[in-house]
Amino acid sequence: MQSISIKGKVRTELGTKSAKSLRASGEVPCVIYGGKETIHFSAPILGFRDLVYTSEARVANIDLDSRSFVAVIQDMQFDVLTDILTHMDFIEVIQGKPVTLNVPVSCTGNARGIRNGGTLKSILRSLKIKGDINDLPSLIEHDITELKIGEAIRVVDVKKGKPYEILNADAAVVVTIKMSRKAVLEEDDATAEGNEGGEENTEAAAAE
C-alpha cells in the first residue's frame, strides 16, 4: 500500500476552543487510537491533501517531534458549508495486528455489455477489507471484460484469491451492466436480461 508523510505537533491543549484556534491557523486537529496510548496532535491542512483527496487508500507515516507512528484513516469530518477538512481520526498500525479500512474499487477492461451499448452502474465504490497492512492494496482492481448486459460482479467474485478478508456481504453487488435504449443484445445477453426481469416480476407478484 502506498504511504504519505505527515509532520505535526502533539497537542498540549485540548477542547473546542483550542481546536477552533488550530483550524483558524490552517491546522487540522487529529487523534491516533489503537496503540498503547491515545495521541492528540495537529498538522497543516495542506499535508492531508494526498491522503484525503485521492482515489486510492494510503497509509500515513506521522512524524510528531521525536516520535513516529504508522496509521490509517478511521474517520474524518468536514465543514458542512465549506467542505473543508476539520478533524481526522487515525488507527495506529501495530505490527502483526490486522488492519481494517475501506479501499476503492476500480474496474478494468472494456466489458462486453458496454460494447453492446449497455450502461455500467457502480453500486459499491469501495470495500471494507481486513488483513496485514503489508497485504492490503491501495486500490482493488477487478477485470470486467466478460461482463454482459444483465450480469453483475458481486463481492464473492472479487474476493477470490485475495490475501485479505473482504467484510462486505458475499452477495452484495459491486457493479452491474444495465440495459439502455441503444443496447444491442447478444443471444446470451437477452437470456440474462430476461431472467433478471423475471426475478423482479416474481418479487413484485410475491409482494402483492
N, C-alpha and C. Protein backbone atom coordinates (compact mmCIF):
# COMPACT_ATOMS: atom_id res chain seq x y z
N MET A 1 0.84 -1.20 0.00
CA MET A 1 0.00 0.00 0.00
C MET A 1 0.88 1.24 0.00
N GLN A 2 0.48 2.24 -0.77
CA GLN A 2 1.23 3.49 -0.83
C GLN A 2 1.13 4.24 0.50
N SER A 3 2.11 5.08 0.76
CA SER A 3 2.11 5.84 2.01
C SER A 3 2.47 7.29 1.75
N ILE A 4 2.07 8.15 2.66
CA ILE A 4 2.44 9.56 2.60
C ILE A 4 2.96 9.97 3.98
N SER A 5 3.73 11.04 4.01
CA SER A 5 4.28 11.52 5.28
C SER A 5 3.55 12.77 5.75
N ILE A 6 3.26 12.81 7.04
CA ILE A 6 2.61 13.96 7.65
C ILE A 6 3.44 14.41 8.85
N LYS A 7 3.78 15.67 8.89
CA LYS A 7 4.52 16.22 10.02
C LYS A 7 3.59 17.09 10.85
N GLY A 8 3.53 16.80 12.15
CA GLY A 8 2.65 17.55 13.01
C GLY A 8 3.25 17.80 14.38
N LYS A 9 2.41 18.30 15.28
CA LYS A 9 2.84 18.60 16.64
C LYS A 9 1.84 18.01 17.62
N VAL A 10 2.36 17.46 18.70
CA VAL A 10 1.49 16.92 19.76
C VAL A 10 0.72 18.08 20.39
N ARG A 11 -0.56 17.87 20.61
CA ARG A 11 -1.39 18.93 21.22
C ARG A 11 -1.27 18.87 22.74
N THR A 12 -0.98 20.01 23.31
CA THR A 12 -0.89 20.11 24.77
C THR A 12 -2.18 20.68 25.36
N GLU A 13 -2.95 21.35 24.51
CA GLU A 13 -4.23 21.91 24.94
C GLU A 13 -5.34 21.27 24.12
N LEU A 14 -6.36 20.78 24.83
CA LEU A 14 -7.49 20.13 24.17
C LEU A 14 -8.75 20.94 24.39
N GLY A 15 -9.83 20.53 23.73
CA GLY A 15 -11.09 21.24 23.90
C GLY A 15 -11.51 21.99 22.65
N THR A 16 -12.77 22.43 22.65
CA THR A 16 -13.35 23.11 21.50
C THR A 16 -12.64 24.41 21.15
N LYS A 17 -12.31 25.18 22.16
CA LYS A 17 -11.67 26.48 21.93
C LYS A 17 -10.30 26.29 21.27
N SER A 18 -9.52 25.34 21.76
CA SER A 18 -8.21 25.07 21.19
C SER A 18 -8.33 24.56 19.76
N ALA A 19 -9.28 23.67 19.51
CA ALA A 19 -9.48 23.11 18.16
C ALA A 19 -9.88 24.21 17.18
N LYS A 20 -10.74 25.11 17.62
CA LYS A 20 -11.18 26.21 16.76
C LYS A 20 -10.01 27.11 16.40
N SER A 21 -9.14 27.36 17.37
CA SER A 21 -7.96 28.20 17.13
C SER A 21 -7.01 27.53 16.13
N LEU A 22 -6.85 26.22 16.24
CA LEU A 22 -5.99 25.49 15.32
C LEU A 22 -6.53 25.57 13.90
N ARG A 23 -7.82 25.39 13.74
CA ARG A 23 -8.43 25.44 12.41
C ARG A 23 -8.26 26.82 11.79
N ALA A 24 -8.39 27.84 12.61
CA ALA A 24 -8.26 29.21 12.12
C ALA A 24 -6.85 29.49 11.61
N SER A 25 -5.88 28.76 12.13
CA SER A 25 -4.49 28.96 11.72
C SER A 25 -4.05 27.96 10.64
N GLY A 26 -5.03 27.23 10.07
CA GLY A 26 -4.73 26.31 8.98
C GLY A 26 -4.29 24.93 9.42
N GLU A 27 -4.55 24.58 10.68
CA GLU A 27 -4.18 23.27 11.20
C GLU A 27 -5.42 22.39 11.37
N VAL A 28 -5.22 21.07 11.30
CA VAL A 28 -6.31 20.12 11.49
C VAL A 28 -6.09 19.33 12.78
N PRO A 29 -7.01 19.40 13.74
CA PRO A 29 -6.90 18.59 14.96
C PRO A 29 -7.06 17.10 14.61
N CYS A 30 -6.23 16.26 15.20
CA CYS A 30 -6.26 14.82 14.89
C CYS A 30 -6.06 13.99 16.15
N VAL A 31 -6.47 12.72 16.06
CA VAL A 31 -6.28 11.78 17.16
C VAL A 31 -5.83 10.44 16.59
N ILE A 32 -4.87 9.80 17.26
CA ILE A 32 -4.45 8.45 16.89
C ILE A 32 -4.88 7.50 17.99
N TYR A 33 -5.71 6.50 17.64
CA TYR A 33 -6.18 5.48 18.58
C TYR A 33 -5.51 4.14 18.26
N GLY A 34 -5.73 3.18 19.14
CA GLY A 34 -5.35 1.80 18.86
C GLY A 34 -4.01 1.35 19.38
N GLY A 35 -3.17 2.29 19.83
CA GLY A 35 -1.86 1.92 20.35
C GLY A 35 -1.86 1.85 21.87
N LYS A 36 -0.70 1.99 22.46
CA LYS A 36 -0.58 1.95 23.92
C LYS A 36 -1.23 3.17 24.56
N GLU A 37 -1.31 4.26 23.82
CA GLU A 37 -1.92 5.48 24.33
C GLU A 37 -2.60 6.23 23.20
N THR A 38 -3.54 7.09 23.57
CA THR A 38 -4.22 7.94 22.60
C THR A 38 -3.40 9.21 22.39
N ILE A 39 -3.09 9.52 21.14
CA ILE A 39 -2.25 10.67 20.82
C ILE A 39 -3.08 11.76 20.15
N HIS A 40 -3.07 12.95 20.72
CA HIS A 40 -3.73 14.11 20.13
C HIS A 40 -2.66 14.97 19.46
N PHE A 41 -2.89 15.34 18.20
CA PHE A 41 -1.93 16.19 17.51
C PHE A 41 -2.63 17.05 16.47
N SER A 42 -1.87 17.93 15.85
CA SER A 42 -2.39 18.74 14.76
C SER A 42 -1.33 18.83 13.68
N ALA A 43 -1.77 19.08 12.45
CA ALA A 43 -0.85 19.20 11.33
C ALA A 43 -1.47 20.14 10.30
N PRO A 44 -0.65 20.80 9.46
CA PRO A 44 -1.17 21.71 8.44
C PRO A 44 -2.13 21.00 7.50
N ILE A 45 -3.22 21.68 7.17
CA ILE A 45 -4.26 21.08 6.34
C ILE A 45 -3.74 20.65 4.98
N LEU A 46 -2.77 21.37 4.43
CA LEU A 46 -2.23 21.01 3.12
C LEU A 46 -1.52 19.65 3.14
N GLY A 47 -1.06 19.24 4.31
CA GLY A 47 -0.36 17.97 4.42
C GLY A 47 -1.27 16.76 4.24
N PHE A 48 -2.60 16.97 4.32
CA PHE A 48 -3.55 15.87 4.19
C PHE A 48 -4.09 15.71 2.78
N ARG A 49 -3.68 16.60 1.88
CA ARG A 49 -4.25 16.61 0.53
C ARG A 49 -4.12 15.26 -0.17
N ASP A 50 -2.92 14.68 -0.14
CA ASP A 50 -2.69 13.42 -0.85
C ASP A 50 -3.18 12.20 -0.08
N LEU A 51 -3.71 12.42 1.11
CA LEU A 51 -4.27 11.33 1.91
C LEU A 51 -5.79 11.30 1.79
N VAL A 52 -6.39 12.49 1.78
CA VAL A 52 -7.85 12.60 1.78
C VAL A 52 -8.43 12.70 0.37
N TYR A 53 -7.85 13.57 -0.45
CA TYR A 53 -8.39 13.82 -1.79
C TYR A 53 -7.67 12.95 -2.81
N THR A 54 -7.94 11.67 -2.74
CA THR A 54 -7.30 10.70 -3.63
C THR A 54 -8.26 9.57 -3.91
N SER A 55 -8.05 8.88 -5.02
CA SER A 55 -8.90 7.75 -5.38
C SER A 55 -8.33 6.43 -4.86
N GLU A 56 -7.29 6.51 -4.04
CA GLU A 56 -6.66 5.30 -3.50
C GLU A 56 -6.55 5.38 -1.98
N ALA A 57 -6.52 4.22 -1.34
CA ALA A 57 -6.30 4.17 0.10
C ALA A 57 -4.80 4.26 0.36
N ARG A 58 -4.41 4.95 1.41
CA ARG A 58 -2.99 5.13 1.71
C ARG A 58 -2.73 5.07 3.21
N VAL A 59 -1.50 4.70 3.53
CA VAL A 59 -1.04 4.68 4.92
C VAL A 59 -0.38 6.02 5.22
N ALA A 60 -0.56 6.49 6.45
CA ALA A 60 0.07 7.75 6.87
C ALA A 60 1.25 7.47 7.79
N ASN A 61 2.41 8.00 7.42
CA ASN A 61 3.58 7.98 8.31
C ASN A 61 3.61 9.31 9.03
N ILE A 62 3.22 9.32 10.28
CA ILE A 62 3.03 10.56 11.04
C ILE A 62 4.24 10.83 11.93
N ASP A 63 4.88 11.95 11.69
CA ASP A 63 6.07 12.35 12.46
C ASP A 63 5.68 13.46 13.43
N LEU A 64 5.77 13.17 14.72
CA LEU A 64 5.42 14.14 15.76
C LEU A 64 6.64 14.39 16.64
N ASP A 65 7.34 15.47 16.35
CA ASP A 65 8.56 15.80 17.08
C ASP A 65 9.55 14.64 16.97
N SER A 66 9.84 13.96 18.07
CA SER A 66 10.82 12.87 18.05
C SER A 66 10.17 11.49 17.96
N ARG A 67 8.85 11.45 17.76
CA ARG A 67 8.12 10.18 17.70
C ARG A 67 7.47 10.00 16.34
N SER A 68 7.38 8.75 15.90
CA SER A 68 6.78 8.43 14.61
C SER A 68 5.72 7.34 14.77
N PHE A 69 4.65 7.46 13.97
CA PHE A 69 3.55 6.50 14.01
C PHE A 69 3.14 6.15 12.58
N VAL A 70 2.75 4.90 12.40
CA VAL A 70 2.16 4.47 11.13
C VAL A 70 0.67 4.25 11.41
N ALA A 71 -0.19 4.88 10.60
CA ALA A 71 -1.62 4.82 10.89
C ALA A 71 -2.46 4.86 9.62
N VAL A 72 -3.71 4.43 9.75
CA VAL A 72 -4.67 4.51 8.65
C VAL A 72 -5.88 5.30 9.11
N ILE A 73 -6.61 5.86 8.16
CA ILE A 73 -7.78 6.68 8.48
C ILE A 73 -8.89 5.84 9.10
N GLN A 74 -9.43 6.32 10.21
CA GLN A 74 -10.62 5.70 10.80
C GLN A 74 -11.86 6.54 10.47
N ASP A 75 -11.72 7.85 10.57
CA ASP A 75 -12.85 8.74 10.31
C ASP A 75 -12.32 10.14 10.00
N MET A 76 -13.08 10.91 9.27
CA MET A 76 -12.73 12.31 9.02
C MET A 76 -13.99 13.14 8.93
N GLN A 77 -13.88 14.40 9.34
CA GLN A 77 -15.02 15.30 9.37
C GLN A 77 -14.73 16.54 8.53
N PHE A 78 -15.79 17.05 7.91
CA PHE A 78 -15.66 18.22 7.05
C PHE A 78 -16.70 19.27 7.45
N ASP A 79 -16.37 20.53 7.22
CA ASP A 79 -17.31 21.61 7.48
C ASP A 79 -18.51 21.46 6.55
N VAL A 80 -19.72 21.54 7.10
CA VAL A 80 -20.92 21.30 6.30
C VAL A 80 -21.15 22.37 5.25
N LEU A 81 -20.60 23.55 5.44
CA LEU A 81 -20.80 24.64 4.48
C LEU A 81 -19.65 24.76 3.47
N THR A 82 -18.41 24.66 3.96
CA THR A 82 -17.25 24.87 3.09
C THR A 82 -16.63 23.57 2.59
N ASP A 83 -16.99 22.42 3.20
CA ASP A 83 -16.43 21.12 2.87
C ASP A 83 -14.92 21.05 3.14
N ILE A 84 -14.44 21.91 4.04
CA ILE A 84 -13.03 21.89 4.43
C ILE A 84 -12.82 20.86 5.53
N LEU A 85 -11.72 20.13 5.46
CA LEU A 85 -11.39 19.12 6.46
C LEU A 85 -11.24 19.78 7.84
N THR A 86 -11.95 19.24 8.84
CA THR A 86 -11.92 19.85 10.17
C THR A 86 -11.39 18.92 11.27
N HIS A 87 -11.36 17.60 11.00
CA HIS A 87 -10.89 16.68 12.04
C HIS A 87 -10.56 15.33 11.41
N MET A 88 -9.52 14.66 11.95
CA MET A 88 -9.13 13.33 11.47
C MET A 88 -8.93 12.39 12.64
N ASP A 89 -9.46 11.18 12.51
CA ASP A 89 -9.20 10.10 13.46
C ASP A 89 -8.39 9.03 12.76
N PHE A 90 -7.33 8.57 13.40
CA PHE A 90 -6.47 7.53 12.84
C PHE A 90 -6.46 6.30 13.76
N ILE A 91 -6.19 5.14 13.17
CA ILE A 91 -5.93 3.92 13.93
C ILE A 91 -4.46 3.56 13.70
N GLU A 92 -3.72 3.41 14.80
CA GLU A 92 -2.31 3.09 14.67
C GLU A 92 -2.13 1.66 14.15
N VAL A 93 -1.20 1.50 13.23
CA VAL A 93 -0.88 0.18 12.69
C VAL A 93 0.13 -0.49 13.60
N ILE A 94 -0.26 -1.61 14.18
CA ILE A 94 0.61 -2.39 15.07
C ILE A 94 1.09 -3.62 14.32
N GLN A 95 2.39 -3.82 14.29
CA GLN A 95 2.96 -4.95 13.56
C GLN A 95 2.35 -6.27 14.03
N GLY A 96 1.84 -7.06 13.08
CA GLY A 96 1.24 -8.35 13.40
C GLY A 96 -0.23 -8.29 13.75
N LYS A 97 -0.80 -7.08 13.84
CA LYS A 97 -2.22 -6.92 14.17
C LYS A 97 -2.99 -6.54 12.91
N PRO A 98 -4.10 -7.25 12.59
CA PRO A 98 -4.87 -6.95 11.38
C PRO A 98 -5.40 -5.52 11.37
N VAL A 99 -5.47 -4.94 10.18
CA VAL A 99 -5.97 -3.58 9.99
C VAL A 99 -7.25 -3.64 9.17
N THR A 100 -8.22 -2.81 9.52
CA THR A 100 -9.48 -2.73 8.77
C THR A 100 -9.62 -1.34 8.16
N LEU A 101 -9.89 -1.28 6.86
CA LEU A 101 -10.10 0.02 6.22
C LEU A 101 -10.87 -0.16 4.92
N ASN A 102 -11.40 0.97 4.42
CA ASN A 102 -12.13 0.97 3.16
C ASN A 102 -11.17 1.26 2.01
N VAL A 103 -11.24 0.44 0.97
CA VAL A 103 -10.37 0.60 -0.19
C VAL A 103 -11.23 0.74 -1.45
N PRO A 104 -10.98 1.74 -2.28
CA PRO A 104 -11.76 1.94 -3.51
C PRO A 104 -11.64 0.77 -4.47
N VAL A 105 -12.70 0.57 -5.27
CA VAL A 105 -12.73 -0.48 -6.29
C VAL A 105 -12.57 0.16 -7.66
N SER A 106 -11.74 -0.44 -8.51
CA SER A 106 -11.53 0.05 -9.87
C SER A 106 -11.80 -1.08 -10.85
N CYS A 107 -12.69 -0.84 -11.81
CA CYS A 107 -13.00 -1.84 -12.83
C CYS A 107 -12.06 -1.67 -14.02
N THR A 108 -11.48 -2.76 -14.47
CA THR A 108 -10.58 -2.72 -15.62
C THR A 108 -11.17 -3.52 -16.77
N GLY A 109 -10.76 -3.19 -17.98
CA GLY A 109 -11.25 -3.90 -19.15
C GLY A 109 -12.50 -3.24 -19.73
N ASN A 110 -12.74 -3.50 -21.00
CA ASN A 110 -13.91 -2.97 -21.70
C ASN A 110 -14.99 -4.06 -21.75
N ALA A 111 -15.98 -3.96 -20.89
CA ALA A 111 -17.00 -5.00 -20.74
C ALA A 111 -17.77 -5.25 -22.03
N ARG A 112 -18.11 -6.53 -22.27
CA ARG A 112 -18.91 -6.89 -23.45
C ARG A 112 -20.24 -6.15 -23.45
N GLY A 113 -20.83 -6.03 -22.27
CA GLY A 113 -22.12 -5.36 -22.18
C GLY A 113 -22.04 -3.89 -22.56
N ILE A 114 -20.94 -3.24 -22.23
CA ILE A 114 -20.76 -1.82 -22.60
C ILE A 114 -20.52 -1.71 -24.10
N ARG A 115 -19.75 -2.66 -24.68
CA ARG A 115 -19.51 -2.65 -26.12
C ARG A 115 -20.81 -2.83 -26.89
N ASN A 116 -21.77 -3.50 -26.27
CA ASN A 116 -23.07 -3.72 -26.90
C ASN A 116 -24.07 -2.62 -26.56
N GLY A 117 -23.59 -1.55 -25.91
CA GLY A 117 -24.46 -0.41 -25.66
C GLY A 117 -25.07 -0.33 -24.28
N GLY A 118 -24.73 -1.30 -23.40
CA GLY A 118 -25.25 -1.26 -22.03
C GLY A 118 -24.56 -0.18 -21.21
N THR A 119 -25.08 0.06 -20.02
CA THR A 119 -24.55 1.10 -19.14
C THR A 119 -24.00 0.48 -17.86
N LEU A 120 -22.76 0.84 -17.52
CA LEU A 120 -22.15 0.34 -16.30
C LEU A 120 -22.67 1.12 -15.10
N LYS A 121 -23.14 0.41 -14.09
CA LYS A 121 -23.64 1.05 -12.87
C LYS A 121 -22.83 0.55 -11.68
N SER A 122 -22.15 1.46 -11.00
CA SER A 122 -21.36 1.11 -9.82
C SER A 122 -22.23 1.19 -8.58
N ILE A 123 -22.28 0.12 -7.82
CA ILE A 123 -23.10 0.06 -6.60
C ILE A 123 -22.20 0.28 -5.38
N LEU A 124 -21.10 -0.46 -5.31
CA LEU A 124 -20.14 -0.31 -4.21
C LEU A 124 -18.85 0.27 -4.78
N ARG A 125 -18.55 1.51 -4.41
CA ARG A 125 -17.33 2.16 -4.93
C ARG A 125 -16.11 1.84 -4.08
N SER A 126 -16.34 1.28 -2.90
CA SER A 126 -15.23 0.84 -2.05
C SER A 126 -15.68 -0.37 -1.25
N LEU A 127 -14.70 -1.14 -0.78
CA LEU A 127 -14.98 -2.33 0.02
C LEU A 127 -14.22 -2.25 1.33
N LYS A 128 -14.83 -2.76 2.39
CA LYS A 128 -14.17 -2.81 3.69
C LYS A 128 -13.36 -4.09 3.77
N ILE A 129 -12.04 -3.95 3.94
CA ILE A 129 -11.18 -5.13 3.97
C ILE A 129 -10.37 -5.18 5.26
N LYS A 130 -9.90 -6.39 5.59
CA LYS A 130 -9.17 -6.60 6.83
C LYS A 130 -8.01 -7.54 6.57
N GLY A 131 -6.84 -7.19 7.09
CA GLY A 131 -5.68 -8.06 6.92
C GLY A 131 -4.41 -7.39 7.37
N ASP A 132 -3.30 -8.04 7.12
CA ASP A 132 -1.98 -7.47 7.43
C ASP A 132 -1.75 -6.26 6.53
N ILE A 133 -1.23 -5.19 7.09
CA ILE A 133 -1.05 -3.95 6.33
C ILE A 133 -0.19 -4.18 5.10
N ASN A 134 0.73 -5.13 5.16
CA ASN A 134 1.61 -5.42 4.03
C ASN A 134 0.90 -6.14 2.89
N ASP A 135 -0.30 -6.68 3.17
CA ASP A 135 -1.07 -7.39 2.15
C ASP A 135 -2.20 -6.55 1.57
N LEU A 136 -2.46 -5.38 2.15
CA LEU A 136 -3.58 -4.56 1.72
C LEU A 136 -3.20 -3.66 0.55
N PRO A 137 -4.05 -3.59 -0.48
CA PRO A 137 -3.76 -2.77 -1.65
C PRO A 137 -4.27 -1.34 -1.49
N SER A 138 -3.76 -0.43 -2.28
CA SER A 138 -4.27 0.94 -2.30
C SER A 138 -5.55 1.02 -3.12
N LEU A 139 -5.71 0.04 -4.03
CA LEU A 139 -6.85 0.01 -4.94
C LEU A 139 -7.18 -1.45 -5.25
N ILE A 140 -8.47 -1.80 -5.23
CA ILE A 140 -8.88 -3.15 -5.58
C ILE A 140 -9.33 -3.15 -7.04
N GLU A 141 -8.58 -3.81 -7.89
CA GLU A 141 -8.91 -3.86 -9.31
C GLU A 141 -9.60 -5.17 -9.66
N HIS A 142 -10.60 -5.08 -10.55
CA HIS A 142 -11.31 -6.28 -10.99
C HIS A 142 -11.63 -6.15 -12.47
N ASP A 143 -11.28 -7.20 -13.22
CA ASP A 143 -11.48 -7.21 -14.67
C ASP A 143 -12.95 -7.51 -15.01
N ILE A 144 -13.58 -6.63 -15.80
CA ILE A 144 -14.99 -6.83 -16.16
C ILE A 144 -15.15 -7.06 -17.66
N THR A 145 -14.08 -7.46 -18.34
CA THR A 145 -14.11 -7.62 -19.80
C THR A 145 -15.25 -8.51 -20.26
N GLU A 146 -15.52 -9.60 -19.56
CA GLU A 146 -16.54 -10.56 -19.99
C GLU A 146 -17.92 -10.28 -19.43
N LEU A 147 -18.10 -9.19 -18.72
CA LEU A 147 -19.40 -8.87 -18.11
C LEU A 147 -20.41 -8.46 -19.18
N LYS A 148 -21.57 -9.12 -19.18
CA LYS A 148 -22.59 -8.88 -20.20
C LYS A 148 -23.76 -8.08 -19.64
N ILE A 149 -24.62 -7.64 -20.51
CA ILE A 149 -25.82 -6.91 -20.10
C ILE A 149 -26.67 -7.82 -19.20
N GLY A 150 -27.09 -7.29 -18.06
CA GLY A 150 -27.89 -8.08 -17.12
C GLY A 150 -27.08 -8.82 -16.09
N GLU A 151 -25.75 -8.84 -16.26
CA GLU A 151 -24.89 -9.53 -15.30
C GLU A 151 -24.31 -8.56 -14.28
N ALA A 152 -23.79 -9.11 -13.20
CA ALA A 152 -23.22 -8.28 -12.13
C ALA A 152 -21.98 -8.93 -11.55
N ILE A 153 -21.10 -8.09 -11.04
CA ILE A 153 -19.95 -8.56 -10.26
C ILE A 153 -20.33 -8.39 -8.80
N ARG A 154 -20.22 -9.47 -8.03
CA ARG A 154 -20.55 -9.43 -6.62
C ARG A 154 -19.28 -9.56 -5.77
N VAL A 155 -19.43 -9.28 -4.50
CA VAL A 155 -18.27 -9.33 -3.60
C VAL A 155 -17.60 -10.69 -3.64
N VAL A 156 -18.38 -11.75 -3.73
CA VAL A 156 -17.80 -13.09 -3.75
C VAL A 156 -16.90 -13.28 -4.96
N ASP A 157 -17.19 -12.58 -6.06
CA ASP A 157 -16.35 -12.68 -7.26
C ASP A 157 -15.03 -11.94 -7.07
N VAL A 158 -15.07 -10.84 -6.33
CA VAL A 158 -13.89 -10.01 -6.14
C VAL A 158 -12.92 -10.64 -5.15
N LYS A 159 -13.44 -11.35 -4.16
CA LYS A 159 -12.59 -11.83 -3.06
C LYS A 159 -11.76 -13.06 -3.41
N LYS A 160 -12.01 -13.67 -4.56
CA LYS A 160 -11.28 -14.89 -4.92
C LYS A 160 -9.78 -14.63 -5.03
N GLY A 161 -9.01 -15.44 -4.30
CA GLY A 161 -7.55 -15.37 -4.40
C GLY A 161 -6.90 -14.20 -3.69
N LYS A 162 -7.66 -13.42 -2.91
CA LYS A 162 -7.10 -12.26 -2.23
C LYS A 162 -6.44 -12.68 -0.91
N PRO A 163 -5.33 -12.04 -0.54
CA PRO A 163 -4.62 -12.37 0.71
C PRO A 163 -5.20 -11.63 1.92
N TYR A 164 -6.39 -11.08 1.77
CA TYR A 164 -7.04 -10.36 2.85
C TYR A 164 -8.53 -10.70 2.86
N GLU A 165 -9.21 -10.34 3.91
CA GLU A 165 -10.64 -10.63 4.07
C GLU A 165 -11.47 -9.43 3.63
N ILE A 166 -12.52 -9.67 2.85
CA ILE A 166 -13.47 -8.62 2.48
C ILE A 166 -14.68 -8.77 3.38
N LEU A 167 -15.01 -7.74 4.13
CA LEU A 167 -16.04 -7.83 5.16
C LEU A 167 -17.46 -7.58 4.64
N ASN A 168 -17.60 -7.06 3.43
CA ASN A 168 -18.93 -6.86 2.86
C ASN A 168 -19.58 -8.21 2.59
N ALA A 169 -20.90 -8.23 2.54
CA ALA A 169 -21.65 -9.47 2.28
C ALA A 169 -21.29 -10.03 0.91
N ASP A 170 -21.12 -11.36 0.83
CA ASP A 170 -20.74 -12.01 -0.42
C ASP A 170 -21.68 -11.67 -1.57
N ALA A 171 -22.97 -11.57 -1.28
CA ALA A 171 -23.97 -11.37 -2.34
C ALA A 171 -24.11 -9.91 -2.77
N ALA A 172 -23.45 -9.00 -2.08
CA ALA A 172 -23.58 -7.58 -2.40
C ALA A 172 -23.03 -7.31 -3.80
N VAL A 173 -23.78 -6.51 -4.60
CA VAL A 173 -23.38 -6.17 -5.96
C VAL A 173 -22.37 -5.04 -5.95
N VAL A 174 -21.27 -5.24 -6.66
CA VAL A 174 -20.25 -4.20 -6.79
C VAL A 174 -20.54 -3.35 -8.01
N VAL A 175 -20.67 -4.00 -9.18
CA VAL A 175 -21.05 -3.30 -10.42
C VAL A 175 -21.97 -4.19 -11.23
N THR A 176 -22.75 -3.58 -12.11
CA THR A 176 -23.64 -4.33 -12.98
C THR A 176 -23.76 -3.60 -14.31
N ILE A 177 -24.16 -4.32 -15.36
CA ILE A 177 -24.40 -3.71 -16.67
C ILE A 177 -25.90 -3.65 -16.89
N LYS A 178 -26.42 -2.44 -17.04
CA LYS A 178 -27.84 -2.23 -17.23
C LYS A 178 -28.18 -2.05 -18.71
N MET A 179 -29.43 -2.38 -19.06
CA MET A 179 -29.93 -2.18 -20.41
C MET A 179 -30.06 -0.69 -20.70
N SER A 180 -29.86 -0.30 -21.94
CA SER A 180 -30.09 1.09 -22.35
C SER A 180 -30.80 1.09 -23.69
N ARG A 181 -31.27 2.24 -24.13
CA ARG A 181 -32.02 2.32 -25.39
C ARG A 181 -31.20 1.90 -26.59
N LYS A 182 -29.90 2.17 -26.55
CA LYS A 182 -29.05 1.87 -27.70
C LYS A 182 -28.38 0.50 -27.61
N ALA A 183 -28.73 -0.27 -26.59
CA ALA A 183 -28.08 -1.55 -26.39
C ALA A 183 -28.47 -2.56 -27.48
N VAL A 184 -27.50 -3.38 -27.86
CA VAL A 184 -27.71 -4.47 -28.82
C VAL A 184 -27.43 -5.77 -28.09
N LEU A 185 -28.47 -6.55 -27.85
CA LEU A 185 -28.32 -7.76 -27.06
C LEU A 185 -27.79 -8.93 -27.89
N GLU A 186 -26.81 -9.64 -27.32
CA GLU A 186 -26.41 -10.93 -27.88
C GLU A 186 -27.42 -11.94 -27.36
N GLU A 187 -27.43 -13.13 -27.91
CA GLU A 187 -28.41 -14.14 -27.52
C GLU A 187 -28.34 -14.45 -26.04
N ASP A 188 -27.11 -14.62 -25.50
CA ASP A 188 -26.98 -14.95 -24.09
C ASP A 188 -27.24 -13.73 -23.22
N ASP A 189 -26.98 -12.52 -23.75
CA ASP A 189 -27.30 -11.30 -23.01
C ASP A 189 -28.81 -11.19 -22.83
N ALA A 190 -29.55 -11.52 -23.90
CA ALA A 190 -31.01 -11.42 -23.86
C ALA A 190 -31.57 -12.37 -22.81
N THR A 191 -30.98 -13.56 -22.72
CA THR A 191 -31.42 -14.53 -21.72
C THR A 191 -31.19 -14.01 -20.31
N ALA A 192 -29.99 -13.41 -20.10
CA ALA A 192 -29.65 -12.86 -18.78
C ALA A 192 -30.59 -11.74 -18.41
N GLU A 193 -30.89 -10.87 -19.39
CA GLU A 193 -31.77 -9.73 -19.13
C GLU A 193 -33.18 -10.21 -18.83
N GLY A 194 -33.62 -11.28 -19.57
CA GLY A 194 -34.95 -11.82 -19.34
C GLY A 194 -35.08 -12.45 -17.97
N ASN A 195 -34.03 -13.17 -17.53
CA ASN A 195 -34.04 -13.78 -16.20
C ASN A 195 -34.10 -12.73 -15.12
N GLU A 196 -33.35 -11.62 -15.31
CA GLU A 196 -33.34 -10.55 -14.32
C GLU A 196 -34.72 -9.95 -14.20
N GLY A 197 -35.38 -9.75 -15.36
CA GLY A 197 -36.73 -9.18 -15.33
C GLY A 197 -37.70 -10.13 -14.69
N GLY A 198 -37.49 -11.47 -14.96
CA GLY A 198 -38.38 -12.46 -14.38
C GLY A 198 -38.29 -12.48 -12.88
N GLU A 199 -37.07 -12.30 -12.33
CA GLU A 199 -36.89 -12.27 -10.89
C GLU A 199 -37.61 -11.08 -10.29
N GLU A 200 -37.50 -9.91 -10.98
CA GLU A 200 -38.16 -8.71 -10.48
C GLU A 200 -39.67 -8.89 -10.48
N ASN A 201 -40.20 -9.53 -11.57
CA ASN A 201 -41.67 -9.75 -11.65
C ASN A 201 -42.13 -10.71 -10.57
N THR A 202 -41.33 -11.74 -10.32
CA THR A 202 -41.68 -12.71 -9.28
C THR A 202 -41.74 -12.05 -7.92
N GLU A 203 -40.72 -11.19 -7.63
CA GLU A 203 -40.69 -10.49 -6.36
C GLU A 203 -41.89 -9.55 -6.22
N ALA A 204 -42.26 -8.89 -7.34
CA ALA A 204 -43.40 -7.97 -7.31
C ALA A 204 -44.68 -8.72 -7.05
N ALA A 205 -44.83 -9.91 -7.70
CA ALA A 205 -46.04 -10.70 -7.51
C ALA A 205 -46.14 -11.19 -6.07
N ALA A 206 -45.00 -11.57 -5.50
CA ALA A 206 -44.99 -12.04 -4.12
C ALA A 206 -45.39 -10.95 -3.16
N ALA A 207 -44.96 -9.71 -3.50
CA ALA A 207 -45.29 -8.58 -2.63
C ALA A 207 -46.76 -8.29 -2.63
N GLU A 208 -47.42 -8.54 -3.81
CA GLU A 208 -48.87 -8.31 -3.88
C GLU A 208 -49.63 -9.37 -3.10
